[in-house]
Amino acid sequence: MKNSDRGEFIYFHEKAYEMLKNYLLNQVDSIKNTFILVDDRTHQHCLPILLSHIDFLKESNLIQIKSGEEEKNIHTCIQICKNLEKFKANRKSLILNLGGGVITDIGGFVASIFKRGIRFVNIPTTLLGMVDAAVGNKTGVNLDSIKNEIGSFYIPEFLIIDTYFLKTLPKKEIISGMAEMFKHGLIANKDFWMKMNQIKDLNDIDVNQWHHLIYQSILIKQKIVDQDPKEKGLRKILNFGHTIGHALESYFLNAEKILHGIAVIMGMICESWISYKINGLPISDYENIKSTFSELYPMQKKIYGLSDSEIEKILMIMEYDKKNEKNKIQFSLLKEIGKCSYNCQVTHSLIKECFLK
């Protein structure tokens, strides 16, 4: 797969490692000028897998941060930059981001700002990273509890997808990542939604049988990104479920934290109802979406226990959303399953009402 904007490639499995190995041998002046960014989890569980494929990476420089969304901030970026400086990184250096969405977001952002830009490669190790966070050339960090408020568009040299890494994940991380796959079907491909809809039990998942679904999900997102790299129009449909979902994730960040995928599921249920109310989504489609997610994600019931004061606080967080224009909260809303509108303005009263449905 090739990104028409600058030449980003997405490689899968053994071909990916072959590509990376050749790139390191031919395009990097010294393996000592290569840096691997990991967190404490991927250092333990994923780095050995990478080194088993390319053993000379043992001679590269390792930079490790703590795991978790709370590390996705500018202070962590500064610490990574200090490590790059300590190891004498230069403009020809290369960063390999080995981890989930937090690592690829932080690593890509650091690469975009260090010495005004160095090269990087994303090697996502989570399902969420593979189908969403590492695809699309967005980098960034949170500003306090506001998601991805600081960031840049910056294209990796290429992207490596190895679903073997999924074997290192707890089940809840797989379930979280699936939310973005469901979303890709809802916004752009009804046939893919129907394939995902055949999954009836999230506790009985065999990732070995999922290669084709993961591949197709990546294709759907990459096709949208290729048509609108800087999110001026069409790409905004990828935000379906995220206007409310990000606000919920931010609200619960410092309390009983919820995973990104769970927050997005909650957001998609709410925004599907809003789509039904003002964007022409058939009631049968809304009921299909709600019943599918209610059966697969019982955690989504949390949204129905929010108090009025909690909903007000969530609305305040939504007012910081990057899509907003002229102080109006902008949504991406479904027209039908597989088709999505963007730049839809929704009143505060209707947003409040969606939490009660």
Protein backbone atom coordinates (compact mmCIF):
# COMPACT_ATOMS: atom_id res chain seq x y z
CA MET A 1 0.00 0.00 0.00
CA LYS A 2 1.29 3.46 -0.89
CA ASN A 3 0.35 6.89 0.39
CA SER A 4 0.24 9.29 -2.54
CA ASP A 5 1.29 12.29 -0.42
CA ARG A 6 4.89 11.29 0.15
CA GLY A 7 5.46 7.62 -0.31
CA GLU A 8 4.39 5.96 2.92
CA PHE A 9 4.17 2.20 2.53
CA ILE A 10 2.33 -0.29 4.71
CA TYR A 11 3.92 -3.72 4.82
CA PHE A 12 2.62 -6.90 6.39
CA HIS A 13 4.32 -9.75 8.26
CA GLU A 14 7.52 -11.23 6.79
CA LYS A 15 7.64 -8.78 3.89
CA ALA A 16 7.58 -5.99 6.47
CA TYR A 17 10.68 -7.24 8.26
CA GLU A 18 12.47 -7.81 4.99
CA MET A 19 11.66 -4.23 3.97
CA LEU A 20 12.83 -2.80 7.30
CA LYS A 21 16.04 -4.82 7.27
CA ASN A 22 16.92 -3.65 3.74
CA TYR A 23 16.04 -0.07 4.64
CA LEU A 24 18.31 -0.13 7.68
CA LEU A 25 21.20 -1.59 5.70
CA ASN A 26 20.86 0.80 2.76
CA GLN A 27 19.31 4.01 4.06
CA VAL A 28 20.72 4.44 7.57
CA ASP A 29 24.35 5.53 7.85
CA SER A 30 24.91 3.64 11.13
CA ILE A 31 22.83 1.31 13.26
CA LYS A 32 23.95 3.50 16.16
CA ASN A 33 21.91 6.25 14.52
CA THR A 34 18.75 4.18 14.93
CA PHE A 35 16.59 4.56 18.03
CA ILE A 36 13.87 2.19 19.25
CA LEU A 37 11.14 3.80 21.35
CA VAL A 38 9.36 1.39 23.70
CA ASP A 39 7.38 1.47 26.91
CA ASP A 40 7.94 -0.91 29.81
CA ARG A 41 5.43 -3.41 28.38
CA THR A 42 6.65 -3.48 24.79
CA HIS A 43 10.24 -3.64 26.02
CA GLN A 44 9.41 -6.89 27.76
CA HIS A 45 6.94 -8.49 25.35
CA CYS A 46 7.51 -7.03 21.88
CA LEU A 47 11.14 -6.00 21.57
CA PRO A 48 12.33 -9.66 21.65
CA ILE A 49 10.03 -10.38 18.67
CA LEU A 50 11.47 -7.50 16.67
CA LEU A 51 15.05 -8.49 17.51
CA SER A 52 14.36 -12.10 16.53
CA HIS A 53 13.64 -10.85 13.01
CA ILE A 54 16.45 -8.28 12.79
CA ASP A 55 19.18 -9.23 15.25
CA PHE A 56 21.56 -6.35 14.46
CA LEU A 57 19.01 -3.94 15.96
CA LYS A 58 20.49 -5.06 19.29
CA GLU A 59 23.22 -2.49 18.54
CA SER A 60 20.74 0.39 18.21
CA ASN A 61 19.83 2.81 21.00
CA LEU A 62 16.85 2.02 23.20
CA ILE A 63 14.64 4.74 24.71
CA GLN A 64 12.03 3.56 27.19
CA ILE A 65 9.09 5.39 28.74
CA LYS A 66 6.39 4.27 31.14
CA SER A 67 3.25 2.73 29.66
CA GLY A 68 -0.17 4.35 29.80
CA GLU A 69 -2.23 7.22 28.41
CA GLU A 70 -1.06 9.49 31.23
CA GLU A 71 2.44 9.45 29.70
CA LYS A 72 1.11 11.00 26.47
CA ASN A 73 2.17 14.56 27.28
CA ILE A 74 4.71 17.18 26.29
CA HIS A 75 6.92 16.41 29.30
CA THR A 76 7.45 12.85 28.06
CA CYS A 77 8.35 14.25 24.63
CA ILE A 78 10.95 16.55 26.16
CA GLN A 79 12.50 13.62 28.01
CA ILE A 80 12.69 11.60 24.78
CA CYS A 81 14.33 14.57 23.04
CA LYS A 82 16.90 14.77 25.83
CA ASN A 83 17.68 11.08 25.33
CA LEU A 84 18.08 11.60 21.59
CA GLU A 85 20.47 14.46 22.32
CA LYS A 86 22.41 12.35 24.82
CA PHE A 87 22.86 9.62 22.20
CA LYS A 88 23.98 12.26 19.66
CA ALA A 89 21.03 11.84 17.29
CA ASN A 90 21.15 13.99 14.16
CA ARG A 91 18.95 14.86 11.20
CA LYS A 92 19.74 11.51 9.57
CA SER A 93 18.58 9.54 12.61
CA LEU A 94 15.67 7.10 12.52
CA ILE A 95 13.19 6.31 15.29
CA LEU A 96 11.38 2.95 15.36
CA ASN A 97 8.16 3.38 17.36
CA LEU A 98 7.43 -0.05 18.84
CA GLY A 99 4.17 0.03 20.74
CA GLY A 100 0.52 0.98 20.80
CA GLY A 101 -1.15 4.26 19.98
CA VAL A 102 0.57 6.16 22.77
CA ILE A 103 4.03 5.17 21.52
CA THR A 104 3.30 5.83 17.83
CA ASP A 105 1.63 9.18 18.60
CA ILE A 106 4.46 10.35 20.88
CA GLY A 107 7.25 8.91 18.73
CA GLY A 108 5.87 10.45 15.56
CA PHE A 109 5.46 13.84 17.25
CA VAL A 110 9.01 13.78 18.62
CA ALA A 111 10.30 12.85 15.15
CA SER A 112 8.41 15.82 13.68
CA ILE A 113 9.96 18.38 16.06
CA PHE A 114 13.46 17.08 16.92
CA LYS A 115 15.96 19.08 14.85
CA ARG A 116 12.91 20.22 12.82
CA GLY A 117 12.19 16.69 11.66
CA ILE A 118 13.83 13.27 11.52
CA ARG A 119 12.64 9.97 10.05
CA PHE A 120 10.51 7.41 11.82
CA VAL A 121 8.87 4.03 11.26
CA ASN A 122 5.74 2.88 13.09
CA ILE A 123 5.57 -0.70 14.33
CA PRO A 124 2.19 -0.88 16.11
CA THR A 125 1.82 -3.71 18.60
CA THR A 126 -1.86 -3.27 19.53
CA LEU A 127 -4.98 -3.75 17.45
CA LEU A 128 -5.94 -0.12 18.03
CA GLY A 129 -2.53 0.96 16.78
CA MET A 130 -2.69 -1.25 13.70
CA VAL A 131 -6.12 -0.20 12.44
CA ASP A 132 -6.17 3.39 13.68
CA ALA A 133 -3.51 5.24 15.66
CA ALA A 134 -0.47 4.37 13.54
CA VAL A 135 -2.30 4.84 10.22
CA GLY A 136 -2.95 8.29 8.80
CA ASN A 137 0.08 10.45 9.57
CA LYS A 138 -1.32 12.14 12.69
CA THR A 139 0.96 12.58 15.68
CA GLY A 140 0.29 14.25 19.00
CA VAL A 141 0.02 14.39 22.75
CA ASN A 142 -2.63 15.39 25.26
CA LEU A 143 -2.79 18.78 26.96
CA ASP A 144 -3.78 17.92 30.52
CA SER A 145 -7.02 15.96 29.97
CA ILE A 146 -7.69 17.29 26.43
CA LYS A 147 -6.99 14.54 23.91
CA ASN A 148 -4.40 15.14 21.16
CA GLU A 149 -4.48 18.93 21.59
CA ILE A 150 -0.80 19.30 20.60
CA GLY A 151 0.39 17.57 17.46
CA SER A 152 1.29 17.60 13.80
CA PHE A 153 0.77 15.81 10.52
CA TYR A 154 4.01 13.93 9.81
CA ILE A 155 4.44 10.95 7.52
CA PRO A 156 6.46 7.86 8.53
CA GLU A 157 8.89 6.23 6.15
CA PHE A 158 6.60 3.20 6.28
CA LEU A 159 4.38 1.18 8.57
CA ILE A 160 4.90 -2.41 9.67
CA ILE A 161 1.93 -4.62 10.55
CA ASP A 162 2.65 -7.90 12.32
CA THR A 163 -0.46 -9.42 13.90
CA TYR A 164 1.76 -11.79 15.90
CA PHE A 165 2.18 -8.92 18.37
CA LEU A 166 -1.51 -9.26 19.22
CA LYS A 167 -0.71 -12.48 21.05
CA THR A 168 1.06 -10.36 23.69
CA LEU A 169 -2.10 -8.34 24.48
CA PRO A 170 -4.69 -8.82 27.20
CA LYS A 171 -8.15 -9.55 25.82
CA LYS A 172 -9.48 -6.12 26.84
CA GLU A 173 -7.00 -4.41 24.50
CA ILE A 174 -8.19 -6.51 21.56
CA ILE A 175 -11.80 -5.69 22.40
CA SER A 176 -10.93 -1.99 22.58
CA GLY A 177 -9.23 -2.01 19.19
CA MET A 178 -12.20 -3.68 17.56
CA ALA A 179 -14.25 -0.53 18.12
CA GLU A 180 -12.33 1.28 15.37
CA MET A 181 -12.87 -1.65 13.02
CA PHE A 182 -16.62 -1.50 13.60
CA LYS A 183 -16.44 2.27 12.98
CA HIS A 184 -14.74 1.81 9.61
CA GLY A 185 -17.65 -0.31 8.47
CA LEU A 186 -20.25 2.15 9.76
CA ILE A 187 -18.76 5.20 8.05
CA ALA A 188 -17.57 3.76 4.73
CA ASN A 189 -18.29 0.10 4.03
CA LYS A 190 -21.56 -1.63 4.86
CA ASP A 191 -20.26 -5.03 3.74
CA PHE A 192 -17.40 -4.75 6.24
CA TRP A 193 -19.87 -3.78 8.99
CA MET A 194 -21.85 -6.93 8.19
CA LYS A 195 -18.69 -9.05 8.41
CA MET A 196 -17.85 -7.54 11.79
CA ASN A 197 -21.47 -8.03 12.83
CA GLN A 198 -20.97 -11.78 12.54
CA ILE A 199 -18.82 -11.67 15.68
CA LYS A 200 -21.11 -12.75 18.49
CA ASP A 201 -18.78 -13.24 21.45
CA LEU A 202 -15.80 -11.02 22.24
CA ASN A 203 -14.50 -13.56 24.73
CA ASP A 204 -14.06 -16.12 21.97
CA ILE A 205 -11.69 -14.32 19.61
CA ASP A 206 -8.93 -16.02 17.64
CA VAL A 207 -6.70 -13.30 16.19
CA ASN A 208 -5.11 -15.87 13.87
CA GLN A 209 -8.39 -15.86 11.93
CA TRP A 210 -8.52 -12.08 11.81
CA HIS A 211 -5.75 -11.20 9.36
CA HIS A 212 -8.17 -10.45 6.52
CA LEU A 213 -10.42 -8.27 8.70
CA ILE A 214 -7.48 -6.27 10.05
CA TYR A 215 -6.09 -5.83 6.54
CA GLN A 216 -9.46 -4.69 5.18
CA SER A 217 -9.94 -2.27 8.08
CA ILE A 218 -6.57 -0.65 7.39
CA LEU A 219 -7.45 -0.38 3.68
CA ILE A 220 -10.68 1.45 4.50
CA LYS A 221 -8.93 4.04 6.67
CA GLN A 222 -5.95 4.49 4.33
CA LYS A 223 -8.27 5.08 1.36
CA ILE A 224 -10.00 7.89 3.24
CA VAL A 225 -6.69 9.40 4.38
CA ASP A 226 -5.28 9.31 0.83
CA GLN A 227 -8.21 11.42 -0.38
CA ASP A 228 -7.86 14.00 2.40
CA PRO A 229 -4.44 13.85 4.13
CA LYS A 230 -4.83 17.04 6.22
CA GLU A 231 -8.46 16.51 7.33
CA LYS A 232 -9.97 19.40 5.38
CA GLY A 233 -13.11 17.49 4.48
CA LEU A 234 -13.81 13.78 3.92
CA ARG A 235 -11.30 12.55 6.50
CA LYS A 236 -13.48 14.08 9.20
CA ILE A 237 -15.82 11.09 8.91
CA LEU A 238 -13.17 9.11 10.80
CA ASN A 239 -14.22 11.16 13.83
CA PHE A 240 -17.60 9.44 14.02
CA GLY A 241 -18.12 8.38 17.63
CA HIS A 242 -15.13 10.41 18.75
CA THR A 243 -16.68 13.79 19.54
CA ILE A 244 -18.55 12.26 22.47
CA GLY A 245 -16.10 9.35 22.82
CA HIS A 246 -13.03 11.56 23.34
CA ALA A 247 -14.95 13.71 25.82
CA LEU A 248 -15.93 10.61 27.82
CA GLU A 249 -12.37 9.30 27.69
CA SER A 250 -11.04 12.65 28.92
CA TYR A 251 -13.66 12.93 31.64
CA PHE A 252 -12.84 9.48 33.03
CA LEU A 253 -9.06 9.87 32.51
CA ASN A 254 -8.37 10.86 36.12
CA ALA A 255 -11.10 8.77 37.70
CA GLU A 256 -12.26 5.27 36.73
CA LYS A 257 -10.35 5.26 33.44
CA ILE A 258 -12.00 3.63 30.43
CA LEU A 259 -10.22 2.31 27.37
CA HIS A 260 -10.33 4.33 24.16
CA GLY A 261 -12.35 1.71 22.31
CA ILE A 262 -14.99 1.51 25.03
CA ALA A 263 -15.33 5.31 25.00
CA VAL A 264 -15.71 5.25 21.20
CA ILE A 265 -18.39 2.54 21.42
CA MET A 266 -20.32 4.77 23.84
CA GLY A 267 -19.76 7.69 21.47
CA MET A 268 -20.99 5.75 18.45
CA ILE A 269 -24.20 4.72 20.20
CA CYS A 270 -24.92 8.32 21.20
CA GLU A 271 -23.95 9.77 17.84
CA SER A 272 -25.99 7.13 15.99
CA TRP A 273 -29.04 8.31 17.92
CA ILE A 274 -28.23 11.93 17.01
CA SER A 275 -27.79 10.75 13.39
CA TYR A 276 -31.30 9.27 13.54
CA LYS A 277 -32.74 12.48 14.98
CA ILE A 278 -31.21 15.00 12.55
CA ASN A 279 -29.28 13.28 9.72
CA GLY A 280 -31.75 10.82 8.25
CA LEU A 281 -30.26 7.60 9.68
CA PRO A 282 -33.09 5.03 9.48
CA ILE A 283 -34.39 3.93 12.86
CA SER A 284 -33.69 0.31 11.84
CA ASP A 285 -30.00 1.16 11.32
CA TYR A 286 -29.82 2.89 14.71
CA GLU A 287 -31.43 -0.10 16.41
CA ASN A 288 -29.02 -2.46 14.61
CA ILE A 289 -26.02 -0.42 15.82
CA LYS A 290 -27.28 -0.10 19.37
CA SER A 291 -28.22 -3.77 19.74
CA THR A 292 -24.89 -4.93 18.26
CA PHE A 293 -22.83 -2.80 20.64
CA SER A 294 -25.08 -3.44 23.64
CA GLU A 295 -24.59 -7.20 23.27
CA LEU A 296 -20.84 -7.07 22.63
CA TYR A 297 -19.91 -4.21 24.98
CA PRO A 298 -21.94 -4.29 28.21
CA MET A 299 -19.58 -1.61 29.61
CA GLN A 300 -21.31 0.93 27.38
CA LYS A 301 -24.17 1.04 29.92
CA LYS A 302 -21.99 3.45 31.93
CA ILE A 303 -23.26 6.33 29.76
CA TYR A 304 -26.81 5.86 31.06
CA GLY A 305 -25.77 6.41 34.67
CA LEU A 306 -24.32 9.88 34.21
CA SER A 307 -25.75 12.69 36.33
CA ASP A 308 -26.75 16.09 34.94
CA SER A 309 -23.61 17.67 36.42
CA GLU A 310 -21.41 14.99 34.82
CA ILE A 311 -23.04 15.55 31.43
CA GLU A 312 -22.40 19.30 31.78
CA LYS A 313 -18.71 18.64 32.45
CA ILE A 314 -18.51 16.33 29.42
CA LEU A 315 -20.12 19.06 27.29
CA MET A 316 -17.48 21.52 28.49
CA ILE A 317 -14.74 19.11 27.36
CA MET A 318 -16.42 18.76 23.96
CA GLU A 319 -16.15 22.53 23.46
CA TYR A 320 -12.36 22.07 23.09
CA ASP A 321 -12.78 19.61 20.19
CA LYS A 322 -10.50 20.54 17.26
CA LYS A 323 -13.33 20.13 14.73
CA ASN A 324 -15.40 22.92 16.27
CA GLU A 325 -16.00 26.13 14.32
CA LYS A 326 -17.37 29.47 15.57
CA ASN A 327 -17.96 27.95 19.01
CA LYS A 328 -20.26 25.32 17.51
CA ILE A 329 -19.71 21.63 18.30
CA GLN A 330 -19.22 19.76 15.01
CA PHE A 331 -20.11 16.11 14.55
CA SER A 332 -19.65 13.45 11.90
CA LEU A 333 -23.00 11.69 11.63
CA LEU A 334 -24.29 8.66 9.77
CA LYS A 335 -26.73 8.97 6.87
CA GLU A 336 -27.05 5.18 6.71
CA ILE A 337 -24.74 2.31 7.58
CA GLY A 338 -21.75 2.76 5.28
CA LYS A 339 -22.32 6.48 4.58
CA CYS A 340 -21.34 9.42 6.76
CA SER A 341 -21.68 13.22 6.77
CA TYR A 342 -19.29 15.67 8.43
CA ASN A 343 -19.43 19.24 9.79
CA CYS A 344 -22.85 18.61 11.35
CA GLN A 345 -23.77 21.09 14.09
CA VAL A 346 -25.67 19.66 17.05
CA THR A 347 -27.38 21.63 19.81
CA HIS A 348 -26.40 21.20 23.45
CA SER A 349 -29.93 20.09 24.31
CA LEU A 350 -29.83 17.25 21.76
CA ILE A 351 -26.39 16.15 22.98
CA LYS A 352 -27.71 16.01 26.54
CA GLU A 353 -30.73 14.05 25.38
CA CYS A 354 -28.62 11.38 23.68
CA PHE A 355 -27.20 10.30 27.05
CA LEU A 356 -30.71 9.43 28.22
CA LYS A 357 -31.65 7.15 25.28
